[in-house]
Every structure is written in structure tokens, then in C-alpha cells.
């Protein structure tokens, strides 16, 4: 097992100076989105954007390339918060055919995008939201999956170092399975995010969303640990899992991904 990425992450956590603590996302801001780590204050009309990139290339007995990326943009207005997310994952391996010839073959190709707007309601930590998401997954149980949802969000728990935000509401989904069959129906969506400032330079986050429909229940979860490198860059180690209860017989219910990425905020 190659321990260099794990060792590098541990050294980064230990070496990050305490002076960078002010650069960590503010935990107490109840209007923070479920996926955007942002600074303590964004001026009205201002933007906060983060770009995330990770890549692995192997050669020798095993040859392949994988790339993952994510762009997260958020705009703050006096009464509204707008959030736009675009992410992708691509993996290509070198395989040998029956004649002994080697060629590259794509084994993973997934793109996802979402747009969310939230109205800041009267009362601390309360908001109404509307959300639209779309996923294209060439090798997934569902090759296309689109959802729309509205609902209410609030902050259930808030201390100096920990927060818990929860959202719930009705929605609608339309998907196309790997076998070509289309599905659609009403859903009930619930989502939560837990954030814990473990130290002056390390932040733990757990997000989970569940969409229960008439024919399928889709769950998405991510566990991550981020540490500051400087005022604009951080290193992020994450584990994510996606689960569908209704999939074609030859497909697995759960897809997982482990990543180590650099995140640049501006």
C-alpha cells in the first residue's frame, strides 16, 4: 500500500500554522449551503468560488489515468443565496484484448451539475429553497438522472466548533436506467450537513442526501477532512458513496469513490 498520500495529509494538518485559523469557513453562518465551504462574510452581491482537482496516473504493469474535478460557485444577495455546482469524474485504463494488443478503455465517465436558490426567511437559521440537479453517468445503473425539489431548511445544532443543518421537502425525478428503461415520479428529499472544526487548521464535514421516490431511493453521502495549506489553498481527503435501491440485475447498488484533491478558493 502506498502511504505517501496519507503521510502528506498528516504532515499538512500538523504543519498548518495557527494564524490560518481565520481562513477556515465560518461554522456559525446558518445560511451556508450544504456543499459550499465559504468565508465568514460575503458582501451582498459578492461571489465565493472554489475549484477542486485531483488526478492519478499509473504506468508499468498497470497503466491508467483518472481525473476528478469540481467547481462550486455561490452568490450572496440581501435576501437570497444562489449556488451552482459542476463536477466530473473520468477514468481510463489500458487493457489487453484477446489478440494480445493493448489499448486504452474508458471505465468511468460521470458529470453532475446542480443549481440552488434559497430565500432567507425571518428567524435565525430558517430558509426556503428550490433545487435542480442533473447527472450523466455513462457506466452507472442510471445513465441519466434529473431531480427537482423545493423545501424548508433550518439549523438544528450550533456551537463554536460544530453545526448541523437539515433540509426537507417534496420533489420530482426523471431517470433513464442502463437497460434503456425510463422512470419518473414524485420524491421526498431530505439532506443534512454536519461540520466540525477539529483544530485551528482542520475541518471535518459529513453530508448526506436521500431522495425517496415511487420506484427508487437514491442516497448520496460524502465524508471529508480538509486542511489549510495557505490562505487560498487546502488539501481535501474524501470518501463518497452513491446508492440506488432499484438497479438492473447486472449492476451494483452502490458506487464509492476515495479521493485526495487540492482545493483553490477565490
C-alpha atoms as a PDB file:
ATOM      1  CA  UNK A   1       0.000   0.000   0.000  1.00  0.00           C
ATOM      2  CA  UNK A   2       1.368   3.438  -0.963  1.00  0.00           C
ATOM      3  CA  UNK A   3       1.343   5.513   2.257  1.00  0.00           C
ATOM      4  CA  UNK A   4       2.768   8.713   0.759  1.00  0.00           C
ATOM      5  CA  UNK A   5      -0.633  10.463   0.200  1.00  0.00           C
ATOM      6  CA  UNK A   6      -1.701   9.615   3.771  1.00  0.00           C
ATOM      7  CA  UNK A   7       1.643  10.804   5.193  1.00  0.00           C
ATOM      8  CA  UNK A   8       1.459  14.018   3.174  1.00  0.00           C
ATOM      9  CA  UNK A   9      -2.029  14.725   4.505  1.00  0.00           C
ATOM     10  CA  UNK A  10      -0.932  14.115   8.095  1.00  0.00           C
ATOM     11  CA  UNK A  11       2.073  16.437   7.709  1.00  0.00           C
ATOM     12  CA  UNK A  12      -0.091  19.146   6.179  1.00  0.00           C
ATOM     13  CA  UNK A  13      -2.501  19.023   9.128  1.00  0.00           C
ATOM     14  CA  UNK A  14       0.355  19.216  11.643  1.00  0.00           C
ATOM     15  CA  UNK A  15       2.300  21.945   9.871  1.00  0.00           C
ATOM     16  CA  UNK A  16      -0.511  24.413   9.053  1.00  0.00           C
ATOM     17  CA  UNK A  17       0.076  27.496  11.253  1.00  0.00           C
ATOM     18  CA  UNK A  18      -2.486  28.656  13.762  1.00  0.00           C
ATOM     19  CA  UNK A  19      -2.559  32.044  12.063  1.00  0.00           C
ATOM     20  CA  UNK A  20      -4.562  30.491   9.242  1.00  0.00           C
ATOM     21  CA  UNK A  21      -7.455  29.645  11.544  1.00  0.00           C
ATOM     22  CA  UNK A  22      -9.273  32.793  10.470  1.00  0.00           C
ATOM     23  CA  UNK A  23      -9.318  31.488   6.905  1.00  0.00           C
ATOM     24  CA  UNK A  24     -11.434  28.455   7.747  1.00  0.00           C
ATOM     25  CA  UNK A  25     -15.131  28.586   6.765  1.00  0.00           C
ATOM     26  CA  UNK A  26     -17.347  30.141   9.440  1.00  0.00           C
ATOM     27  CA  UNK A  27     -19.384  27.429  11.137  1.00  0.00           C
ATOM     28  CA  UNK A  28     -21.917  29.732  12.662  1.00  0.00           C
ATOM     29  CA  UNK A  29     -23.403  31.173   9.452  1.00  0.00           C
ATOM     30  CA  UNK A  30     -26.764  29.435   9.229  1.00  0.00           C
ATOM     31  CA  UNK A  31     -27.296  30.334   5.570  1.00  0.00           C
ATOM     32  CA  UNK A  32     -24.244  28.362   4.380  1.00  0.00           C
ATOM     33  CA  UNK A  33     -25.197  25.839   1.693  1.00  0.00           C
ATOM     34  CA  UNK A  34     -24.962  22.097   2.164  1.00  0.00           C
ATOM     35  CA  UNK A  35     -21.877  21.810  -0.020  1.00  0.00           C
ATOM     36  CA  UNK A  36     -20.072  25.181  -0.124  1.00  0.00           C
ATOM     37  CA  UNK A  37     -17.298  25.994   2.334  1.00  0.00           C
ATOM     38  CA  UNK A  38     -17.202  29.786   2.289  1.00  0.00           C
ATOM     39  CA  UNK A  39     -15.556  32.617   4.275  1.00  0.00           C
ATOM     40  CA  UNK A  40     -17.191  34.265   7.262  1.00  0.00           C
ATOM     41  CA  UNK A  41     -18.583  37.203   5.268  1.00  0.00           C
ATOM     42  CA  UNK A  42     -19.515  37.523   1.607  1.00  0.00           C
ATOM     43  CA  UNK A  43     -20.606  41.082   0.669  1.00  0.00           C
ATOM     44  CA  UNK A  44     -24.113  41.385  -0.736  1.00  0.00           C
ATOM     45  CA  UNK A  45     -23.890  40.657  -4.441  1.00  0.00           C
ATOM     46  CA  UNK A  46     -20.459  39.086  -3.997  1.00  0.00           C
ATOM     47  CA  UNK A  47     -19.281  35.659  -5.138  1.00  0.00           C
ATOM     48  CA  UNK A  48     -17.286  32.915  -3.471  1.00  0.00           C
ATOM     49  CA  UNK A  49     -15.913  30.161  -5.722  1.00  0.00           C
ATOM     50  CA  UNK A  50     -13.830  27.054  -5.082  1.00  0.00           C
ATOM     51  CA  UNK A  51     -12.196  24.810  -7.682  1.00  0.00           C
ATOM     52  CA  UNK A  52     -11.200  21.236  -6.792  1.00  0.00           C
ATOM     53  CA  UNK A  53      -8.900  18.961  -8.814  1.00  0.00           C
ATOM     54  CA  UNK A  54      -7.398  15.509  -8.329  1.00  0.00           C
ATOM     55  CA  UNK A  55      -5.568  13.235 -10.787  1.00  0.00           C
ATOM     56  CA  UNK A  56      -3.837   9.823 -10.699  1.00  0.00           C
ATOM     57  CA  UNK A  57      -1.673   8.345 -13.450  1.00  0.00           C
ATOM     58  CA  UNK A  58      -0.125   4.860 -13.299  1.00  0.00           C
ATOM     59  CA  UNK A  59       2.314   3.048 -15.599  1.00  0.00           C
ATOM     60  CA  UNK A  60       4.176  -0.278 -15.729  1.00  0.00           C
ATOM     61  CA  UNK A  61       2.232  -3.455 -15.070  1.00  0.00           C
ATOM     62  CA  UNK A  62      -0.897  -1.351 -14.539  1.00  0.00           C
ATOM     63  CA  UNK A  63      -1.469   1.663 -16.773  1.00  0.00           C
ATOM     64  CA  UNK A  64      -4.307   4.112 -16.380  1.00  0.00           C
ATOM     65  CA  UNK A  65      -5.434   7.645 -15.686  1.00  0.00           C
ATOM     66  CA  UNK A  66      -8.200   9.068 -13.529  1.00  0.00           C
ATOM     67  CA  UNK A  67      -9.228  12.703 -13.109  1.00  0.00           C
ATOM     68  CA  UNK A  68     -11.821  14.263 -10.803  1.00  0.00           C
ATOM     69  CA  UNK A  69     -12.816  17.910 -10.584  1.00  0.00           C
ATOM     70  CA  UNK A  70     -15.424  20.205  -9.082  1.00  0.00           C
ATOM     71  CA  UNK A  71     -16.360  23.885  -9.321  1.00  0.00           C
ATOM     72  CA  UNK A  72     -18.539  25.384  -6.598  1.00  0.00           C
ATOM     73  CA  UNK A  73     -19.818  28.977  -7.023  1.00  0.00           C
ATOM     74  CA  UNK A  74     -22.030  30.886  -4.612  1.00  0.00           C
ATOM     75  CA  UNK A  75     -23.596  34.340  -4.714  1.00  0.00           C
ATOM     76  CA  UNK A  76     -24.956  36.194  -1.705  1.00  0.00           C
ATOM     77  CA  UNK A  77     -27.764  38.767  -2.053  1.00  0.00           C
ATOM     78  CA  UNK A  78     -29.610  40.619   0.715  1.00  0.00           C
ATOM     79  CA  UNK A  79     -32.478  38.092   0.788  1.00  0.00           C
ATOM     80  CA  UNK A  80     -31.259  35.249  -1.448  1.00  0.00           C
ATOM     81  CA  UNK A  81     -28.392  32.775  -1.688  1.00  0.00           C
ATOM     82  CA  UNK A  82     -27.601  31.227  -5.095  1.00  0.00           C
ATOM     83  CA  UNK A  83     -25.364  28.189  -5.550  1.00  0.00           C
ATOM     84  CA  UNK A  84     -24.073  26.446  -8.700  1.00  0.00           C
ATOM     85  CA  UNK A  85     -22.051  23.213  -8.685  1.00  0.00           C
ATOM     86  CA  UNK A  86     -20.387  21.376 -11.575  1.00  0.00           C
ATOM     87  CA  UNK A  87     -18.386  18.156 -11.044  1.00  0.00           C
ATOM     88  CA  UNK A  88     -16.923  15.345 -13.113  1.00  0.00           C
ATOM     89  CA  UNK A  89     -15.010  12.082 -12.865  1.00  0.00           C
ATOM     90  CA  UNK A  90     -13.176  10.284 -15.680  1.00  0.00           C
ATOM     91  CA  UNK A  91     -11.161   7.059 -15.607  1.00  0.00           C
ATOM     92  CA  UNK A  92      -9.309   5.290 -18.421  1.00  0.00           C
ATOM     93  CA  UNK A  93      -7.358   2.009 -18.181  1.00  0.00           C
ATOM     94  CA  UNK A  94      -5.047   0.168 -20.533  1.00  0.00           C
ATOM     95  CA  UNK A  95      -6.369  -3.339 -21.258  1.00  0.00           C
ATOM     96  CA  UNK A  96      -5.247  -6.290 -23.378  1.00  0.00           C
ATOM     97  CA  UNK A  97      -7.597  -7.800 -25.948  1.00  0.00           C
ATOM     98  CA  UNK A  98      -7.833 -11.453 -26.980  1.00  0.00           C
ATOM     99  CA  UNK A  99      -5.096 -10.972 -29.600  1.00  0.00           C
ATOM    100  CA  UNK A 100      -2.622  -9.599 -27.066  1.00  0.00           C
ATOM    101  CA  UNK A 101      -2.866  -5.986 -28.213  1.00  0.00           C
ATOM    102  CA  UNK A 102      -3.024  -3.239 -25.601  1.00  0.00           C
ATOM    103  CA  UNK A 103      -5.404  -0.321 -25.920  1.00  0.00           C
ATOM    104  CA  UNK A 104      -6.990   2.260 -23.632  1.00  0.00           C
ATOM    105  CA  UNK A 105     -10.541   1.770 -22.462  1.00  0.00           C
ATOM    106  CA  UNK A 106     -12.779   4.206 -20.565  1.00  0.00           C
ATOM    107  CA  UNK A 107     -14.151   2.613 -17.393  1.00  0.00           C
ATOM    108  CA  UNK A 108     -15.798   5.620 -15.691  1.00  0.00           C
ATOM    109  CA  UNK A 109     -17.306   8.828 -17.015  1.00  0.00           C
ATOM    110  CA  UNK A 110     -19.680  10.852 -14.849  1.00  0.00           C
ATOM    111  CA  UNK A 111     -20.746  14.501 -14.926  1.00  0.00           C
ATOM    112  CA  UNK A 112     -23.079  16.243 -12.492  1.00  0.00           C
ATOM    113  CA  UNK A 113     -24.473  19.756 -12.173  1.00  0.00           C
ATOM    114  CA  UNK A 114     -26.852  21.490  -9.805  1.00  0.00           C
ATOM    115  CA  UNK A 115     -28.405  24.910  -9.233  1.00  0.00           C
ATOM    116  CA  UNK A 116     -29.966  26.013  -5.972  1.00  0.00           C
ATOM    117  CA  UNK A 117     -31.590  29.192  -4.741  1.00  0.00           C
ATOM    118  CA  UNK A 118     -32.567  29.832  -1.111  1.00  0.00           C
ATOM    119  CA  UNK A 119     -34.752  32.584   0.359  1.00  0.00           C
ATOM    120  CA  UNK A 120     -33.582  33.789   3.758  1.00  0.00           C
ATOM    121  CA  UNK A 121     -36.642  33.690   5.981  1.00  0.00           C
ATOM    122  CA  UNK A 122     -37.311  35.588   9.169  1.00  0.00           C
ATOM    123  CA  UNK A 123     -35.911  33.724  12.133  1.00  0.00           C
ATOM    124  CA  UNK A 124     -32.395  32.513  12.738  1.00  0.00           C
ATOM    125  CA  UNK A 125     -31.344  29.615  10.533  1.00  0.00           C
ATOM    126  CA  UNK A 126     -34.562  29.317   8.525  1.00  0.00           C
ATOM    127  CA  UNK A 127     -34.729  29.292   4.715  1.00  0.00           C
ATOM    128  CA  UNK A 128     -36.867  28.118   1.795  1.00  0.00           C
ATOM    129  CA  UNK A 129     -35.078  26.579  -1.171  1.00  0.00           C
ATOM    130  CA  UNK A 130     -35.524  25.342  -4.741  1.00  0.00           C
ATOM    131  CA  UNK A 131     -33.039  22.844  -6.193  1.00  0.00           C
ATOM    132  CA  UNK A 132     -32.423  21.285  -9.620  1.00  0.00           C
ATOM    133  CA  UNK A 133     -29.807  18.560 -10.299  1.00  0.00           C
ATOM    134  CA  UNK A 134     -28.737  16.566 -13.339  1.00  0.00           C
ATOM    135  CA  UNK A 135     -26.316  13.619 -13.556  1.00  0.00           C
ATOM    136  CA  UNK A 136     -24.920  11.842 -16.618  1.00  0.00           C
ATOM    137  CA  UNK A 137     -23.160   8.582 -15.726  1.00  0.00           C
ATOM    138  CA  UNK A 138     -22.103   6.528 -18.741  1.00  0.00           C
ATOM    139  CA  UNK A 139     -21.339   3.398 -16.686  1.00  0.00           C
ATOM    140  CA  UNK A 140     -23.816   3.828 -13.838  1.00  0.00           C
ATOM    141  CA  UNK A 141     -27.022   1.972 -13.028  1.00  0.00           C
ATOM    142  CA  UNK A 142     -28.791   5.152 -14.170  1.00  0.00           C
ATOM    143  CA  UNK A 143     -27.140   6.780 -17.180  1.00  0.00           C
ATOM    144  CA  UNK A 144     -29.236   9.920 -16.678  1.00  0.00           C
ATOM    145  CA  UNK A 145     -30.878  11.219 -13.512  1.00  0.00           C
ATOM    146  CA  UNK A 146     -32.647  14.596 -13.132  1.00  0.00           C
ATOM    147  CA  UNK A 147     -34.351  15.884  -9.985  1.00  0.00           C
ATOM    148  CA  UNK A 148     -36.250  18.971  -8.871  1.00  0.00           C
ATOM    149  CA  UNK A 149     -37.039  19.776  -5.242  1.00  0.00           C
ATOM    150  CA  UNK A 150     -38.398  22.548  -3.035  1.00  0.00           C
ATOM    151  CA  UNK A 151     -38.483  22.685   0.725  1.00  0.00           C
ATOM    152  CA  UNK A 152     -37.504  24.210   4.025  1.00  0.00           C
ATOM    153  CA  UNK A 153     -34.135  24.241   5.772  1.00  0.00           C
ATOM    154  CA  UNK A 154     -33.058  25.051   9.302  1.00  0.00           C
ATOM    155  CA  UNK A 155     -30.110  24.723  11.629  1.00  0.00           C
ATOM    156  CA  UNK A 156     -30.673  22.136  14.329  1.00  0.00           C
ATOM    157  CA  UNK A 157     -27.392  22.451  16.211  1.00  0.00           C
ATOM    158  CA  UNK A 158     -24.829  25.226  16.531  1.00  0.00           C
ATOM    159  CA  UNK A 159     -21.819  25.619  18.826  1.00  0.00           C
ATOM    160  CA  UNK A 160     -18.489  27.405  18.464  1.00  0.00           C
ATOM    161  CA  UNK A 161     -16.988  24.419  16.609  1.00  0.00           C
ATOM    162  CA  UNK A 162     -19.886  22.288  15.351  1.00  0.00           C
ATOM    163  CA  UNK A 163     -23.024  22.827  13.252  1.00  0.00           C
ATOM    164  CA  UNK A 164     -25.792  20.646  11.874  1.00  0.00           C
ATOM    165  CA  UNK A 165     -28.051  21.874   9.027  1.00  0.00           C
ATOM    166  CA  UNK A 166     -31.101  19.945   7.804  1.00  0.00           C
ATOM    167  CA  UNK A 167     -33.379  20.315   4.736  1.00  0.00           C
ATOM    168  CA  UNK A 168     -36.568  18.514   3.742  1.00  0.00           C
ATOM    169  CA  UNK A 169     -39.191  18.867   1.026  1.00  0.00           C
ATOM    170  CA  UNK A 170     -41.043  17.286  -1.904  1.00  0.00           C
ATOM    171  CA  UNK A 171     -39.648  16.863  -5.411  1.00  0.00           C
ATOM    172  CA  UNK A 172     -39.788  15.098  -8.752  1.00  0.00           C
ATOM    173  CA  UNK A 173     -37.299  12.854 -10.582  1.00  0.00           C
ATOM    174  CA  UNK A 174     -36.817  11.562 -14.110  1.00  0.00           C
ATOM    175  CA  UNK A 175     -34.197   8.935 -14.870  1.00  0.00           C
ATOM    176  CA  UNK A 176     -33.014   6.545 -17.561  1.00  0.00           C
ATOM    177  CA  UNK A 177     -31.626   3.189 -16.468  1.00  0.00           C
ATOM    178  CA  UNK A 178     -28.662   1.421 -18.035  1.00  0.00           C
ATOM    179  CA  UNK A 179     -31.047  -1.035 -19.717  1.00  0.00           C
ATOM    180  CA  UNK A 180     -32.819   1.852 -21.508  1.00  0.00           C
ATOM    181  CA  UNK A 181     -35.924   1.897 -19.312  1.00  0.00           C
ATOM    182  CA  UNK A 182     -37.148   5.361 -18.230  1.00  0.00           C
ATOM    183  CA  UNK A 183     -38.570   6.155 -14.808  1.00  0.00           C
ATOM    184  CA  UNK A 184     -40.158   9.217 -13.245  1.00  0.00           C
ATOM    185  CA  UNK A 185     -42.226  10.130 -10.207  1.00  0.00           C
ATOM    186  CA  UNK A 186     -42.708  12.178  -7.074  1.00  0.00           C
ATOM    187  CA  UNK A 187     -39.998  12.126  -4.396  1.00  0.00           C
ATOM    188  CA  UNK A 188     -39.443  13.237  -0.829  1.00  0.00           C
ATOM    189  CA  UNK A 189     -35.960  14.687  -0.301  1.00  0.00           C
ATOM    190  CA  UNK A 190     -34.051  15.050   2.944  1.00  0.00           C
ATOM    191  CA  UNK A 191     -30.500  16.376   3.348  1.00  0.00           C
ATOM    192  CA  UNK A 192     -28.152  17.150   6.210  1.00  0.00           C
ATOM    193  CA  UNK A 193     -24.659  18.532   6.709  1.00  0.00           C
ATOM    194  CA  UNK A 194     -22.512  18.228   9.835  1.00  0.00           C
ATOM    195  CA  UNK A 195     -19.355  20.328  10.144  1.00  0.00           C
ATOM    196  CA  UNK A 196     -16.746  20.128  12.886  1.00  0.00           C
ATOM    197  CA  UNK A 197     -13.756  22.420  13.285  1.00  0.00           C
ATOM    198  CA  UNK A 198     -11.431  19.793  14.738  1.00  0.00           C
ATOM    199  CA  UNK A 199      -8.497  22.171  15.211  1.00  0.00           C
ATOM    200  CA  UNK A 200      -7.343  25.592  14.105  1.00  0.00           C
ATOM    201  CA  UNK A 201      -6.367  24.184  10.702  1.00  0.00           C
ATOM    202  CA  UNK A 202      -8.513  21.074  10.118  1.00  0.00           C
ATOM    203  CA  UNK A 203     -12.195  20.821   9.204  1.00  0.00           C
ATOM    204  CA  UNK A 204     -14.316  17.638   9.125  1.00  0.00           C
ATOM    205  CA  UNK A 205     -17.556  17.553   7.121  1.00  0.00           C
ATOM    206  CA  UNK A 206     -20.258  14.935   6.599  1.00  0.00           C
ATOM    207  CA  UNK A 207     -23.033  15.462   4.053  1.00  0.00           C
ATOM    208  CA  UNK A 208     -25.897  13.138   3.159  1.00  0.00           C
ATOM    209  CA  UNK A 209     -28.993  13.411   0.970  1.00  0.00           C
ATOM    210  CA  UNK A 210     -31.798  10.904   0.427  1.00  0.00           C
ATOM    211  CA  UNK A 211     -34.479  11.052  -2.276  1.00  0.00           C
ATOM    212  CA  UNK A 212     -37.291   8.555  -1.807  1.00  0.00           C
ATOM    213  CA  UNK A 213     -39.350   8.045  -4.984  1.00  0.00           C
ATOM    214  CA  UNK A 214     -42.101   5.732  -6.108  1.00  0.00           C
ATOM    215  CA  UNK A 215     -39.696   3.274  -7.777  1.00  0.00           C
ATOM    216  CA  UNK A 216     -36.239   4.112  -6.425  1.00  0.00           C
ATOM    217  CA  UNK A 217     -34.492   5.565  -3.401  1.00  0.00           C
ATOM    218  CA  UNK A 218     -31.244   7.403  -4.144  1.00  0.00           C
ATOM    219  CA  UNK A 219     -28.750   8.182  -1.354  1.00  0.00           C
ATOM    220  CA  UNK A 220     -25.580  10.242  -1.689  1.00  0.00           C
ATOM    221  CA  UNK A 221     -23.069  10.754   1.141  1.00  0.00           C
ATOM    222  CA  UNK A 222     -19.607  12.280   1.459  1.00  0.00           C
ATOM    223  CA  UNK A 223     -17.154  12.258   4.359  1.00  0.00           C
ATOM    224  CA  UNK A 224     -14.234  14.693   4.075  1.00  0.00           C
ATOM    225  CA  UNK A 225     -11.301  16.128   6.003  1.00  0.00           C
ATOM    226  CA  UNK A 226      -9.799  19.423   4.825  1.00  0.00           C
ATOM    227  CA  UNK A 227      -6.653  21.198   5.980  1.00  0.00           C
ATOM    228  CA  UNK A 228      -5.349  24.616   5.015  1.00  0.00           C
ATOM    229  CA  UNK A 229      -2.105  24.911   3.031  1.00  0.00           C
ATOM    230  CA  UNK A 230      -2.236  28.703   2.730  1.00  0.00           C
ATOM    231  CA  UNK A 231      -4.858  31.453   2.587  1.00  0.00           C
ATOM    232  CA  UNK A 232      -6.341  30.230  -0.719  1.00  0.00           C
ATOM    233  CA  UNK A 233      -5.483  26.510  -0.970  1.00  0.00           C
ATOM    234  CA  UNK A 234      -6.403  23.454   1.046  1.00  0.00           C
ATOM    235  CA  UNK A 235      -5.931  19.708   0.803  1.00  0.00           C
ATOM    236  CA  UNK A 236      -9.043  17.553   0.977  1.00  0.00           C
ATOM    237  CA  UNK A 237      -9.333  13.814   1.575  1.00  0.00           C
ATOM    238  CA  UNK A 238     -12.829  12.448   0.929  1.00  0.00           C
ATOM    239  CA  UNK A 239     -14.863   9.274   0.669  1.00  0.00           C
ATOM    240  CA  UNK A 240     -18.209   9.375  -1.167  1.00  0.00           C
ATOM    241  CA  UNK A 241     -20.896   6.775  -1.797  1.00  0.00           C
ATOM    242  CA  UNK A 242     -23.949   6.729  -4.075  1.00  0.00           C
ATOM    243  CA  UNK A 243     -26.690   4.121  -3.713  1.00  0.00           C
ATOM    244  CA  UNK A 244     -29.794   3.266  -5.783  1.00  0.00           C
ATOM    245  CA  UNK A 245     -32.209   0.651  -4.495  1.00  0.00           C
ATOM    246  CA  UNK A 246     -33.676  -0.218  -7.928  1.00  0.00           C
ATOM    247  CA  UNK A 247     -30.988  -1.137 -10.484  1.00  0.00           C
ATOM    248  CA  UNK A 248     -30.682  -3.557 -13.453  1.00  0.00           C
ATOM    249  CA  UNK A 249     -29.677  -7.138 -12.467  1.00  0.00           C
ATOM    250  CA  UNK A 250     -26.104  -6.800 -13.801  1.00  0.00           C
ATOM    251  CA  UNK A 251     -25.434  -3.539 -11.923  1.00  0.00           C
ATOM    252  CA  UNK A 252     -24.400  -2.997  -8.300  1.00  0.00           C
ATOM    253  CA  UNK A 253     -26.465  -0.816  -5.994  1.00  0.00           C
ATOM    254  CA  UNK A 254     -23.577   1.211  -4.571  1.00  0.00           C
ATOM    255  CA  UNK A 255     -20.735   3.175  -6.173  1.00  0.00           C
ATOM    256  CA  UNK A 256     -17.926   4.547  -3.998  1.00  0.00           C
ATOM    257  CA  UNK A 257     -15.027   6.923  -4.594  1.00  0.00           C
ATOM    258  CA  UNK A 258     -11.986   7.801  -2.466  1.00  0.00           C
ATOM    259  CA  UNK A 259     -10.103  10.966  -3.414  1.00  0.00           C
ATOM    260  CA  UNK A 260      -7.269  13.248  -2.379  1.00  0.00           C
ATOM    261  CA  UNK A 261      -7.593  16.649  -4.033  1.00  0.00           C
ATOM    262  CA  UNK A 262      -6.343  20.228  -3.930  1.00  0.00           C
ATOM    263  CA  UNK A 263      -8.958  22.956  -3.490  1.00  0.00           C
ATOM    264  CA  UNK A 264      -8.385  26.550  -4.575  1.00  0.00           C
ATOM    265  CA  UNK A 265     -10.774  29.237  -3.288  1.00  0.00           C
ATOM    266  CA  UNK A 266     -11.224  32.685  -4.796  1.00  0.00           C
END
